[in-house]
Amino acid sequence: MPPGLTLYKRALSADSLAEFGAGKGGLRAAVGYAYRGSAFNSLGTLRYVNGSLAGNKPELSGNLSAEYRQPVWAVRGGVDTRTLLSDPGSFTAQAALGGTAYIGERFGVGAWGRVLTQPSTGTTQAGYGLEASVRALPGTWLTAGYNLAGFEGIGNQYTKKGAYVRLDLTVDETIGGVK
């Protein structure tokens, strides 16, 4: 590991931003965590935004994601939530579950499904798709996929119907062959 680089198995974070003056007044605050184990990894955040930083629509959002990886397969899951604090009926949640089977050290094929729901309206939408990955370099995967059914979602996942390309990078203490 390069000198000065320290990687933690567990981390907590917090940040905030305030905006004020000349007709502006807003606050954004977030807390988060990360966990990295040999087979299990997880990330989560909780965010609060109000005032001018939220377009005067106070919002609370959160996300949680996890992955369990073995040498020949991996399974991932997550949930994203969002609610406008001035409209309790706006609570929306999106859940995802997916998996990849690795064929040798260079290729992978996967499938995933997502569900978006807004309980107050009784609205639920589902999406699902297939993808294939190739390891371009150590720790670097290029993935092409197609969402067979999709929807306009929340969070940072590909939810719309159609094709997509994704670049996944793994950066850890094993980069450069040093552990």
N, C-alpha and C. Protein backbone atom coordinates (compact mmCIF):
# COMPACT_ATOMS: atom_id res chain seq x y z
N MET A 1 0.85 -1.17 0.00
CA MET A 1 0.00 0.00 0.00
C MET A 1 0.90 1.23 0.00
N PRO A 2 0.56 2.26 -0.82
CA PRO A 2 1.40 3.46 -0.83
C PRO A 2 1.43 4.13 0.54
N PRO A 3 2.58 4.70 0.93
CA PRO A 3 2.66 5.38 2.22
C PRO A 3 1.60 6.48 2.32
N GLY A 4 1.01 6.59 3.48
CA GLY A 4 0.02 7.64 3.71
C GLY A 4 -1.39 7.26 3.29
N LEU A 5 -1.57 6.16 2.57
CA LEU A 5 -2.90 5.75 2.15
C LEU A 5 -3.43 4.75 3.17
N THR A 6 -4.52 5.09 3.79
CA THR A 6 -5.12 4.21 4.79
C THR A 6 -6.54 3.89 4.36
N LEU A 7 -6.86 2.64 4.29
CA LEU A 7 -8.21 2.21 3.94
C LEU A 7 -8.85 1.58 5.16
N TYR A 8 -10.07 2.01 5.44
CA TYR A 8 -10.78 1.53 6.62
C TYR A 8 -11.85 0.54 6.23
N LYS A 9 -12.12 -0.41 7.10
CA LYS A 9 -13.23 -1.33 6.87
C LYS A 9 -14.55 -0.67 7.19
N ARG A 10 -14.55 0.31 8.11
CA ARG A 10 -15.77 1.01 8.49
C ARG A 10 -15.47 2.49 8.51
N ALA A 11 -16.41 3.29 8.03
CA ALA A 11 -16.23 4.74 8.06
C ALA A 11 -17.58 5.43 8.23
N LEU A 12 -17.57 6.51 8.95
CA LEU A 12 -18.74 7.37 9.10
C LEU A 12 -18.37 8.73 8.54
N SER A 13 -19.35 9.42 7.96
CA SER A 13 -19.09 10.75 7.43
C SER A 13 -20.27 11.66 7.71
N ALA A 14 -20.00 12.95 7.72
CA ALA A 14 -21.04 13.95 7.89
C ALA A 14 -20.59 15.21 7.17
N ASP A 15 -21.53 15.91 6.56
CA ASP A 15 -21.20 17.19 5.96
C ASP A 15 -22.45 18.06 5.95
N SER A 16 -22.23 19.37 5.84
CA SER A 16 -23.35 20.29 5.76
C SER A 16 -22.93 21.53 4.99
N LEU A 17 -23.92 22.24 4.49
CA LEU A 17 -23.72 23.47 3.75
C LEU A 17 -24.88 24.39 4.09
N ALA A 18 -24.58 25.62 4.43
CA ALA A 18 -25.62 26.61 4.70
C ALA A 18 -25.47 27.76 3.72
N GLU A 19 -26.58 28.29 3.28
CA GLU A 19 -26.60 29.42 2.35
C GLU A 19 -27.47 30.49 2.96
N PHE A 20 -26.97 31.72 3.06
CA PHE A 20 -27.77 32.79 3.62
C PHE A 20 -27.33 34.13 3.05
N GLY A 21 -28.24 35.10 3.16
CA GLY A 21 -27.99 36.46 2.66
C GLY A 21 -28.71 36.70 1.36
N ALA A 22 -29.06 37.98 1.12
CA ALA A 22 -29.69 38.45 -0.13
C ALA A 22 -30.83 37.54 -0.59
N GLY A 23 -31.79 37.30 0.29
CA GLY A 23 -32.96 36.51 -0.07
C GLY A 23 -32.74 35.01 -0.09
N LYS A 24 -31.59 34.57 0.35
CA LYS A 24 -31.30 33.13 0.36
C LYS A 24 -31.16 32.66 1.78
N GLY A 25 -31.64 31.47 2.03
CA GLY A 25 -31.50 30.85 3.34
C GLY A 25 -31.80 29.38 3.18
N GLY A 26 -30.78 28.56 3.27
CA GLY A 26 -30.98 27.13 3.09
C GLY A 26 -29.94 26.33 3.83
N LEU A 27 -30.25 25.07 4.02
CA LEU A 27 -29.36 24.15 4.71
C LEU A 27 -29.39 22.80 4.01
N ARG A 28 -28.22 22.22 3.85
CA ARG A 28 -28.11 20.85 3.36
C ARG A 28 -27.21 20.12 4.35
N ALA A 29 -27.66 19.00 4.86
CA ALA A 29 -26.87 18.21 5.81
C ALA A 29 -26.99 16.74 5.44
N ALA A 30 -25.91 16.01 5.64
CA ALA A 30 -25.91 14.58 5.30
C ALA A 30 -25.03 13.82 6.27
N VAL A 31 -25.42 12.58 6.52
CA VAL A 31 -24.59 11.64 7.27
C VAL A 31 -24.51 10.37 6.43
N GLY A 32 -23.42 9.68 6.55
CA GLY A 32 -23.26 8.47 5.75
C GLY A 32 -22.35 7.47 6.42
N TYR A 33 -22.31 6.28 5.87
CA TYR A 33 -21.41 5.25 6.38
C TYR A 33 -20.95 4.39 5.21
N ALA A 34 -19.85 3.70 5.43
CA ALA A 34 -19.34 2.74 4.47
C ALA A 34 -18.77 1.56 5.26
N TYR A 35 -18.96 0.37 4.73
CA TYR A 35 -18.39 -0.84 5.32
C TYR A 35 -17.80 -1.68 4.20
N ARG A 36 -16.59 -2.16 4.42
CA ARG A 36 -15.96 -3.01 3.42
C ARG A 36 -15.38 -4.22 4.12
N GLY A 37 -15.85 -5.39 3.73
CA GLY A 37 -15.31 -6.64 4.24
C GLY A 37 -14.76 -7.45 3.09
N SER A 38 -14.32 -8.64 3.36
CA SER A 38 -13.74 -9.45 2.29
C SER A 38 -14.79 -9.91 1.28
N ALA A 39 -16.03 -10.16 1.72
CA ALA A 39 -17.08 -10.61 0.81
C ALA A 39 -18.29 -9.68 0.81
N PHE A 40 -18.44 -8.83 1.83
CA PHE A 40 -19.63 -7.99 1.97
C PHE A 40 -19.22 -6.52 2.03
N ASN A 41 -19.90 -5.69 1.23
CA ASN A 41 -19.67 -4.25 1.21
C ASN A 41 -21.02 -3.55 1.30
N SER A 42 -21.04 -2.38 1.94
CA SER A 42 -22.29 -1.64 2.06
C SER A 42 -22.02 -0.14 2.19
N LEU A 43 -22.94 0.66 1.64
CA LEU A 43 -22.90 2.12 1.74
C LEU A 43 -24.28 2.62 2.09
N GLY A 44 -24.35 3.74 2.82
CA GLY A 44 -25.64 4.33 3.13
C GLY A 44 -25.50 5.81 3.42
N THR A 45 -26.54 6.58 3.11
CA THR A 45 -26.56 8.02 3.40
C THR A 45 -27.97 8.44 3.79
N LEU A 46 -28.04 9.52 4.54
CA LEU A 46 -29.30 10.17 4.88
C LEU A 46 -29.06 11.66 4.67
N ARG A 47 -29.94 12.32 3.88
CA ARG A 47 -29.76 13.74 3.53
C ARG A 47 -31.01 14.54 3.87
N TYR A 48 -30.77 15.75 4.34
CA TYR A 48 -31.84 16.71 4.62
C TYR A 48 -31.49 18.00 3.88
N VAL A 49 -32.46 18.55 3.15
CA VAL A 49 -32.25 19.80 2.41
C VAL A 49 -33.47 20.67 2.62
N ASN A 50 -33.23 21.99 2.86
CA ASN A 50 -34.37 22.90 2.97
C ASN A 50 -34.01 24.27 2.41
N GLY A 51 -35.00 25.16 2.39
CA GLY A 51 -34.80 26.54 1.95
C GLY A 51 -34.35 26.66 0.51
N SER A 52 -33.50 27.64 0.26
CA SER A 52 -33.07 27.93 -1.11
C SER A 52 -32.26 26.79 -1.72
N LEU A 53 -31.65 25.96 -0.91
CA LEU A 53 -30.89 24.82 -1.44
C LEU A 53 -31.80 23.68 -1.88
N ALA A 54 -33.09 23.77 -1.55
CA ALA A 54 -34.05 22.73 -1.93
C ALA A 54 -35.15 23.32 -2.80
N GLY A 55 -34.93 24.49 -3.38
CA GLY A 55 -36.00 25.11 -4.16
C GLY A 55 -37.21 25.40 -3.30
N ASN A 56 -36.96 25.70 -2.01
CA ASN A 56 -38.02 25.95 -1.02
C ASN A 56 -39.00 24.80 -0.87
N LYS A 57 -38.53 23.59 -1.15
CA LYS A 57 -39.30 22.36 -0.92
C LYS A 57 -38.44 21.44 -0.06
N PRO A 58 -38.56 21.55 1.28
CA PRO A 58 -37.71 20.72 2.15
C PRO A 58 -37.86 19.23 1.84
N GLU A 59 -36.72 18.55 1.81
CA GLU A 59 -36.70 17.14 1.40
C GLU A 59 -35.83 16.32 2.33
N LEU A 60 -36.25 15.09 2.58
CA LEU A 60 -35.46 14.11 3.30
C LEU A 60 -35.30 12.90 2.38
N SER A 61 -34.07 12.47 2.17
CA SER A 61 -33.83 11.32 1.30
C SER A 61 -32.77 10.42 1.93
N GLY A 62 -32.77 9.18 1.53
CA GLY A 62 -31.79 8.25 2.04
C GLY A 62 -31.56 7.12 1.07
N ASN A 63 -30.43 6.47 1.19
CA ASN A 63 -30.17 5.30 0.37
C ASN A 63 -29.30 4.31 1.13
N LEU A 64 -29.46 3.07 0.78
CA LEU A 64 -28.71 1.97 1.37
C LEU A 64 -28.42 0.98 0.25
N SER A 65 -27.18 0.55 0.14
CA SER A 65 -26.85 -0.46 -0.87
C SER A 65 -25.86 -1.45 -0.26
N ALA A 66 -25.89 -2.66 -0.77
CA ALA A 66 -25.00 -3.70 -0.27
C ALA A 66 -24.68 -4.68 -1.39
N GLU A 67 -23.53 -5.32 -1.28
CA GLU A 67 -23.12 -6.34 -2.24
C GLU A 67 -22.45 -7.48 -1.49
N TYR A 68 -22.80 -8.70 -1.87
CA TYR A 68 -22.13 -9.89 -1.36
C TYR A 68 -21.48 -10.57 -2.55
N ARG A 69 -20.16 -10.74 -2.49
CA ARG A 69 -19.39 -11.24 -3.64
C ARG A 69 -18.65 -12.51 -3.28
N GLN A 70 -18.71 -13.47 -4.21
CA GLN A 70 -17.94 -14.69 -4.15
C GLN A 70 -17.12 -14.77 -5.45
N PRO A 71 -16.16 -15.67 -5.56
CA PRO A 71 -15.32 -15.70 -6.76
C PRO A 71 -16.09 -15.86 -8.07
N VAL A 72 -17.20 -16.60 -8.09
CA VAL A 72 -17.90 -16.83 -9.36
C VAL A 72 -19.28 -16.18 -9.44
N TRP A 73 -19.69 -15.42 -8.43
CA TRP A 73 -20.98 -14.75 -8.48
C TRP A 73 -21.02 -13.59 -7.48
N ALA A 74 -21.95 -12.70 -7.69
CA ALA A 74 -22.17 -11.58 -6.78
C ALA A 74 -23.65 -11.23 -6.78
N VAL A 75 -24.17 -10.79 -5.65
CA VAL A 75 -25.55 -10.34 -5.55
C VAL A 75 -25.54 -8.95 -4.91
N ARG A 76 -26.37 -8.06 -5.46
CA ARG A 76 -26.44 -6.68 -4.99
C ARG A 76 -27.88 -6.31 -4.69
N GLY A 77 -28.07 -5.44 -3.71
CA GLY A 77 -29.39 -4.95 -3.40
C GLY A 77 -29.31 -3.54 -2.86
N GLY A 78 -30.43 -2.85 -2.90
CA GLY A 78 -30.42 -1.50 -2.37
C GLY A 78 -31.82 -0.92 -2.31
N VAL A 79 -31.91 0.19 -1.59
CA VAL A 79 -33.17 0.93 -1.50
C VAL A 79 -32.84 2.43 -1.46
N ASP A 80 -33.61 3.21 -2.18
CA ASP A 80 -33.54 4.67 -2.17
C ASP A 80 -34.90 5.18 -1.74
N THR A 81 -34.93 6.22 -0.91
CA THR A 81 -36.19 6.82 -0.49
C THR A 81 -36.11 8.33 -0.62
N ARG A 82 -37.27 8.94 -0.79
CA ARG A 82 -37.34 10.40 -0.88
C ARG A 82 -38.72 10.85 -0.43
N THR A 83 -38.77 11.94 0.34
CA THR A 83 -40.05 12.53 0.71
C THR A 83 -39.89 14.04 0.81
N LEU A 84 -40.88 14.76 0.32
CA LEU A 84 -40.95 16.20 0.51
C LEU A 84 -41.60 16.42 1.86
N LEU A 85 -40.92 17.11 2.76
CA LEU A 85 -41.40 17.24 4.12
C LEU A 85 -42.70 18.03 4.21
N SER A 86 -42.98 18.88 3.23
CA SER A 86 -44.22 19.63 3.23
C SER A 86 -45.38 18.82 2.64
N ASP A 87 -45.09 17.61 2.14
CA ASP A 87 -46.11 16.75 1.53
C ASP A 87 -45.85 15.30 1.96
N PRO A 88 -46.37 14.88 3.13
CA PRO A 88 -46.11 13.52 3.60
C PRO A 88 -46.55 12.43 2.61
N GLY A 89 -47.51 12.72 1.75
CA GLY A 89 -47.96 11.75 0.76
C GLY A 89 -46.96 11.56 -0.38
N SER A 90 -45.88 12.34 -0.39
CA SER A 90 -44.89 12.24 -1.47
C SER A 90 -43.86 11.15 -1.23
N PHE A 91 -43.91 10.46 -0.09
CA PHE A 91 -42.91 9.43 0.21
C PHE A 91 -42.84 8.43 -0.93
N THR A 92 -41.63 8.23 -1.45
CA THR A 92 -41.39 7.33 -2.57
C THR A 92 -40.20 6.44 -2.22
N ALA A 93 -40.30 5.17 -2.54
CA ALA A 93 -39.20 4.22 -2.29
C ALA A 93 -38.92 3.42 -3.55
N GLN A 94 -37.64 3.14 -3.76
CA GLN A 94 -37.22 2.33 -4.90
C GLN A 94 -36.28 1.24 -4.38
N ALA A 95 -36.62 -0.01 -4.63
CA ALA A 95 -35.80 -1.14 -4.21
C ALA A 95 -35.21 -1.83 -5.44
N ALA A 96 -34.02 -2.39 -5.27
CA ALA A 96 -33.35 -3.06 -6.39
C ALA A 96 -32.68 -4.34 -5.90
N LEU A 97 -32.65 -5.33 -6.78
CA LEU A 97 -31.96 -6.58 -6.51
C LEU A 97 -31.37 -7.08 -7.82
N GLY A 98 -30.11 -7.46 -7.80
CA GLY A 98 -29.47 -7.94 -9.03
C GLY A 98 -28.36 -8.91 -8.71
N GLY A 99 -27.91 -9.60 -9.75
CA GLY A 99 -26.83 -10.55 -9.56
C GLY A 99 -26.01 -10.71 -10.82
N THR A 100 -24.78 -11.15 -10.64
CA THR A 100 -23.87 -11.40 -11.77
C THR A 100 -23.19 -12.75 -11.56
N ALA A 101 -23.12 -13.53 -12.62
CA ALA A 101 -22.36 -14.78 -12.62
C ALA A 101 -21.11 -14.52 -13.47
N TYR A 102 -19.96 -14.87 -12.92
CA TYR A 102 -18.69 -14.64 -13.62
C TYR A 102 -18.27 -15.90 -14.35
N ILE A 103 -17.94 -15.73 -15.63
CA ILE A 103 -17.51 -16.82 -16.48
C ILE A 103 -16.01 -16.64 -16.68
N GLY A 104 -15.23 -17.40 -15.94
CA GLY A 104 -13.79 -17.19 -15.96
C GLY A 104 -13.44 -15.89 -15.25
N GLU A 105 -12.26 -15.37 -15.53
CA GLU A 105 -11.80 -14.14 -14.87
C GLU A 105 -12.12 -12.89 -15.66
N ARG A 106 -12.66 -13.02 -16.88
CA ARG A 106 -12.83 -11.84 -17.74
C ARG A 106 -14.27 -11.49 -18.07
N PHE A 107 -15.22 -12.40 -17.91
CA PHE A 107 -16.58 -12.13 -18.37
C PHE A 107 -17.60 -12.35 -17.27
N GLY A 108 -18.71 -11.64 -17.38
CA GLY A 108 -19.81 -11.80 -16.45
C GLY A 108 -21.14 -11.55 -17.14
N VAL A 109 -22.18 -12.23 -16.70
CA VAL A 109 -23.53 -11.98 -17.19
C VAL A 109 -24.43 -11.78 -15.97
N GLY A 110 -25.38 -10.86 -16.12
CA GLY A 110 -26.20 -10.55 -14.96
C GLY A 110 -27.62 -10.17 -15.31
N ALA A 111 -28.42 -10.09 -14.28
CA ALA A 111 -29.81 -9.67 -14.40
C ALA A 111 -30.16 -8.88 -13.14
N TRP A 112 -31.16 -8.04 -13.24
CA TRP A 112 -31.57 -7.22 -12.10
C TRP A 112 -33.05 -6.88 -12.23
N GLY A 113 -33.62 -6.47 -11.13
CA GLY A 113 -35.00 -5.99 -11.11
C GLY A 113 -35.11 -4.83 -10.13
N ARG A 114 -36.02 -3.90 -10.43
CA ARG A 114 -36.24 -2.74 -9.57
C ARG A 114 -37.73 -2.49 -9.44
N VAL A 115 -38.12 -1.96 -8.29
CA VAL A 115 -39.52 -1.61 -8.05
C VAL A 115 -39.55 -0.21 -7.45
N LEU A 116 -40.41 0.64 -7.98
CA LEU A 116 -40.63 1.99 -7.48
C LEU A 116 -42.05 2.05 -6.95
N THR A 117 -42.24 2.54 -5.73
CA THR A 117 -43.58 2.60 -5.17
C THR A 117 -43.80 3.91 -4.44
N GLN A 118 -45.03 4.39 -4.50
CA GLN A 118 -45.47 5.55 -3.74
C GLN A 118 -46.75 5.13 -3.02
N PRO A 119 -46.63 4.74 -1.73
CA PRO A 119 -47.76 4.16 -1.00
C PRO A 119 -49.01 5.02 -0.97
N SER A 120 -48.88 6.35 -0.85
CA SER A 120 -50.07 7.20 -0.71
C SER A 120 -50.95 7.18 -1.96
N THR A 121 -50.36 6.93 -3.12
CA THR A 121 -51.14 6.88 -4.36
C THR A 121 -51.41 5.46 -4.82
N GLY A 122 -50.79 4.48 -4.16
CA GLY A 122 -50.95 3.09 -4.56
C GLY A 122 -50.25 2.79 -5.88
N THR A 123 -49.31 3.63 -6.27
CA THR A 123 -48.61 3.48 -7.53
C THR A 123 -47.36 2.61 -7.34
N THR A 124 -47.19 1.62 -8.22
CA THR A 124 -46.00 0.77 -8.22
C THR A 124 -45.59 0.53 -9.67
N GLN A 125 -44.30 0.68 -9.93
CA GLN A 125 -43.75 0.41 -11.26
C GLN A 125 -42.59 -0.56 -11.11
N ALA A 126 -42.40 -1.41 -12.09
CA ALA A 126 -41.30 -2.38 -12.05
C ALA A 126 -40.44 -2.26 -13.30
N GLY A 127 -39.18 -2.57 -13.14
CA GLY A 127 -38.25 -2.60 -14.25
C GLY A 127 -37.32 -3.79 -14.08
N TYR A 128 -36.80 -4.27 -15.20
CA TYR A 128 -35.87 -5.39 -15.15
C TYR A 128 -35.02 -5.38 -16.40
N GLY A 129 -33.85 -6.00 -16.31
CA GLY A 129 -32.96 -6.00 -17.44
C GLY A 129 -31.87 -7.04 -17.33
N LEU A 130 -31.07 -7.08 -18.39
CA LEU A 130 -29.94 -8.02 -18.51
C LEU A 130 -28.69 -7.22 -18.84
N GLU A 131 -27.52 -7.75 -18.45
CA GLU A 131 -26.28 -7.07 -18.77
C GLU A 131 -25.14 -8.07 -18.92
N ALA A 132 -24.10 -7.64 -19.62
CA ALA A 132 -22.90 -8.45 -19.80
C ALA A 132 -21.69 -7.56 -19.51
N SER A 133 -20.68 -8.15 -18.86
CA SER A 133 -19.50 -7.39 -18.46
C SER A 133 -18.24 -8.04 -18.98
N VAL A 134 -17.24 -7.22 -19.24
CA VAL A 134 -15.91 -7.70 -19.60
C VAL A 134 -14.90 -6.94 -18.74
N ARG A 135 -13.91 -7.67 -18.23
CA ARG A 135 -12.86 -7.03 -17.44
C ARG A 135 -11.84 -6.47 -18.41
N ALA A 136 -11.80 -5.16 -18.53
CA ALA A 136 -10.90 -4.49 -19.46
C ALA A 136 -9.47 -4.44 -18.91
N LEU A 137 -9.35 -4.18 -17.62
CA LEU A 137 -8.07 -4.12 -16.91
C LEU A 137 -8.31 -4.64 -15.50
N PRO A 138 -7.28 -4.97 -14.76
CA PRO A 138 -7.51 -5.38 -13.37
C PRO A 138 -8.28 -4.29 -12.61
N GLY A 139 -9.38 -4.68 -12.00
CA GLY A 139 -10.20 -3.73 -11.25
C GLY A 139 -11.09 -2.84 -12.10
N THR A 140 -11.14 -3.08 -13.41
CA THR A 140 -11.93 -2.24 -14.31
C THR A 140 -12.84 -3.12 -15.16
N TRP A 141 -14.15 -2.94 -14.99
CA TRP A 141 -15.14 -3.70 -15.74
C TRP A 141 -15.95 -2.76 -16.62
N LEU A 142 -16.15 -3.15 -17.87
CA LEU A 142 -17.01 -2.43 -18.80
C LEU A 142 -18.28 -3.27 -18.97
N THR A 143 -19.43 -2.66 -18.70
CA THR A 143 -20.70 -3.38 -18.72
C THR A 143 -21.65 -2.73 -19.71
N ALA A 144 -22.30 -3.55 -20.53
CA ALA A 144 -23.36 -3.09 -21.42
C ALA A 144 -24.63 -3.83 -21.02
N GLY A 145 -25.72 -3.10 -20.96
CA GLY A 145 -26.97 -3.73 -20.55
C GLY A 145 -28.16 -3.17 -21.29
N TYR A 146 -29.30 -3.82 -21.07
CA TYR A 146 -30.54 -3.37 -21.68
C TYR A 146 -31.67 -3.51 -20.66
N ASN A 147 -32.36 -2.41 -20.41
CA ASN A 147 -33.52 -2.43 -19.53
C ASN A 147 -34.73 -2.81 -20.39
N LEU A 148 -35.23 -4.02 -20.20
CA LEU A 148 -36.37 -4.51 -20.97
C LEU A 148 -37.65 -3.76 -20.60
N ALA A 149 -37.80 -3.43 -19.34
CA ALA A 149 -38.92 -2.63 -18.85
C ALA A 149 -38.33 -1.61 -17.90
N GLY A 150 -38.78 -0.39 -17.96
CA GLY A 150 -38.18 0.63 -17.11
C GLY A 150 -39.18 1.67 -16.67
N PHE A 151 -38.70 2.64 -15.91
CA PHE A 151 -39.53 3.71 -15.37
C PHE A 151 -38.63 4.88 -15.01
N GLU A 152 -39.24 6.01 -14.72
CA GLU A 152 -38.51 7.20 -14.26
C GLU A 152 -38.28 7.02 -12.77
N GLY A 153 -37.03 6.75 -12.35
CA GLY A 153 -36.76 6.39 -10.97
C GLY A 153 -36.08 7.47 -10.16
N ILE A 154 -35.74 7.12 -8.93
CA ILE A 154 -34.97 7.99 -8.06
C ILE A 154 -33.64 7.32 -7.78
N GLY A 155 -32.71 8.05 -7.25
CA GLY A 155 -31.40 7.48 -6.97
C GLY A 155 -30.52 7.54 -8.21
N ASN A 156 -29.44 6.78 -8.18
CA ASN A 156 -28.47 6.85 -9.27
C ASN A 156 -28.40 5.57 -10.10
N GLN A 157 -29.47 4.80 -10.13
CA GLN A 157 -29.49 3.56 -10.90
C GLN A 157 -30.11 3.80 -12.28
N TYR A 158 -29.72 2.99 -13.25
CA TYR A 158 -30.30 3.06 -14.58
C TYR A 158 -31.68 2.45 -14.53
N THR A 159 -32.72 3.27 -14.65
CA THR A 159 -34.08 2.76 -14.52
C THR A 159 -34.91 2.91 -15.78
N LYS A 160 -34.52 3.77 -16.70
CA LYS A 160 -35.31 3.99 -17.91
C LYS A 160 -35.13 2.82 -18.88
N LYS A 161 -36.17 2.55 -19.66
CA LYS A 161 -36.12 1.48 -20.66
C LYS A 161 -35.06 1.83 -21.71
N GLY A 162 -34.29 0.82 -22.11
CA GLY A 162 -33.29 1.03 -23.16
C GLY A 162 -31.91 0.56 -22.77
N ALA A 163 -30.96 0.83 -23.67
CA ALA A 163 -29.58 0.37 -23.51
C ALA A 163 -28.78 1.32 -22.62
N TYR A 164 -27.74 0.77 -21.99
CA TYR A 164 -26.82 1.59 -21.20
C TYR A 164 -25.44 0.95 -21.22
N VAL A 165 -24.44 1.76 -20.90
CA VAL A 165 -23.05 1.32 -20.75
C VAL A 165 -22.57 1.87 -19.41
N ARG A 166 -21.83 1.04 -18.67
CA ARG A 166 -21.34 1.46 -17.35
C ARG A 166 -19.88 1.04 -17.21
N LEU A 167 -19.10 1.89 -16.56
CA LEU A 167 -17.71 1.58 -16.26
C LEU A 167 -17.60 1.44 -14.74
N ASP A 168 -17.17 0.27 -14.26
CA ASP A 168 -17.01 0.02 -12.83
C ASP A 168 -15.52 -0.05 -12.52
N LEU A 169 -15.10 0.71 -11.51
CA LEU A 169 -13.71 0.73 -11.08
C LEU A 169 -13.62 0.24 -9.65
N THR A 170 -12.66 -0.62 -9.38
CA THR A 170 -12.39 -1.08 -8.03
C THR A 170 -11.05 -0.50 -7.62
N VAL A 171 -11.05 0.31 -6.59
CA VAL A 171 -9.82 0.91 -6.09
C VAL A 171 -9.67 0.47 -4.64
N ASP A 172 -8.62 -0.28 -4.37
CA ASP A 172 -8.35 -0.73 -3.00
C ASP A 172 -6.86 -0.94 -2.83
N GLU A 173 -6.47 -1.54 -1.72
CA GLU A 173 -5.07 -1.72 -1.39
C GLU A 173 -4.36 -2.72 -2.30
N THR A 174 -5.07 -3.44 -3.17
CA THR A 174 -4.43 -4.41 -4.03
C THR A 174 -4.00 -3.80 -5.37
N ILE A 175 -4.36 -2.55 -5.64
CA ILE A 175 -3.96 -1.91 -6.89
C ILE A 175 -2.43 -1.86 -6.97
N GLY A 176 -1.89 -2.21 -8.11
CA GLY A 176 -0.44 -2.21 -8.29
C GLY A 176 0.24 -3.47 -7.77
N GLY A 177 -0.56 -4.47 -7.34
CA GLY A 177 0.02 -5.72 -6.89
C GLY A 177 0.57 -5.68 -5.47
N VAL A 178 0.38 -4.58 -4.76
CA VAL A 178 0.86 -4.47 -3.38
C VAL A 178 -0.31 -4.62 -2.45
N LYS A 179 -0.15 -5.43 -1.41
CA LYS A 179 -1.23 -5.60 -0.45
C LYS A 179 -0.76 -5.27 0.93
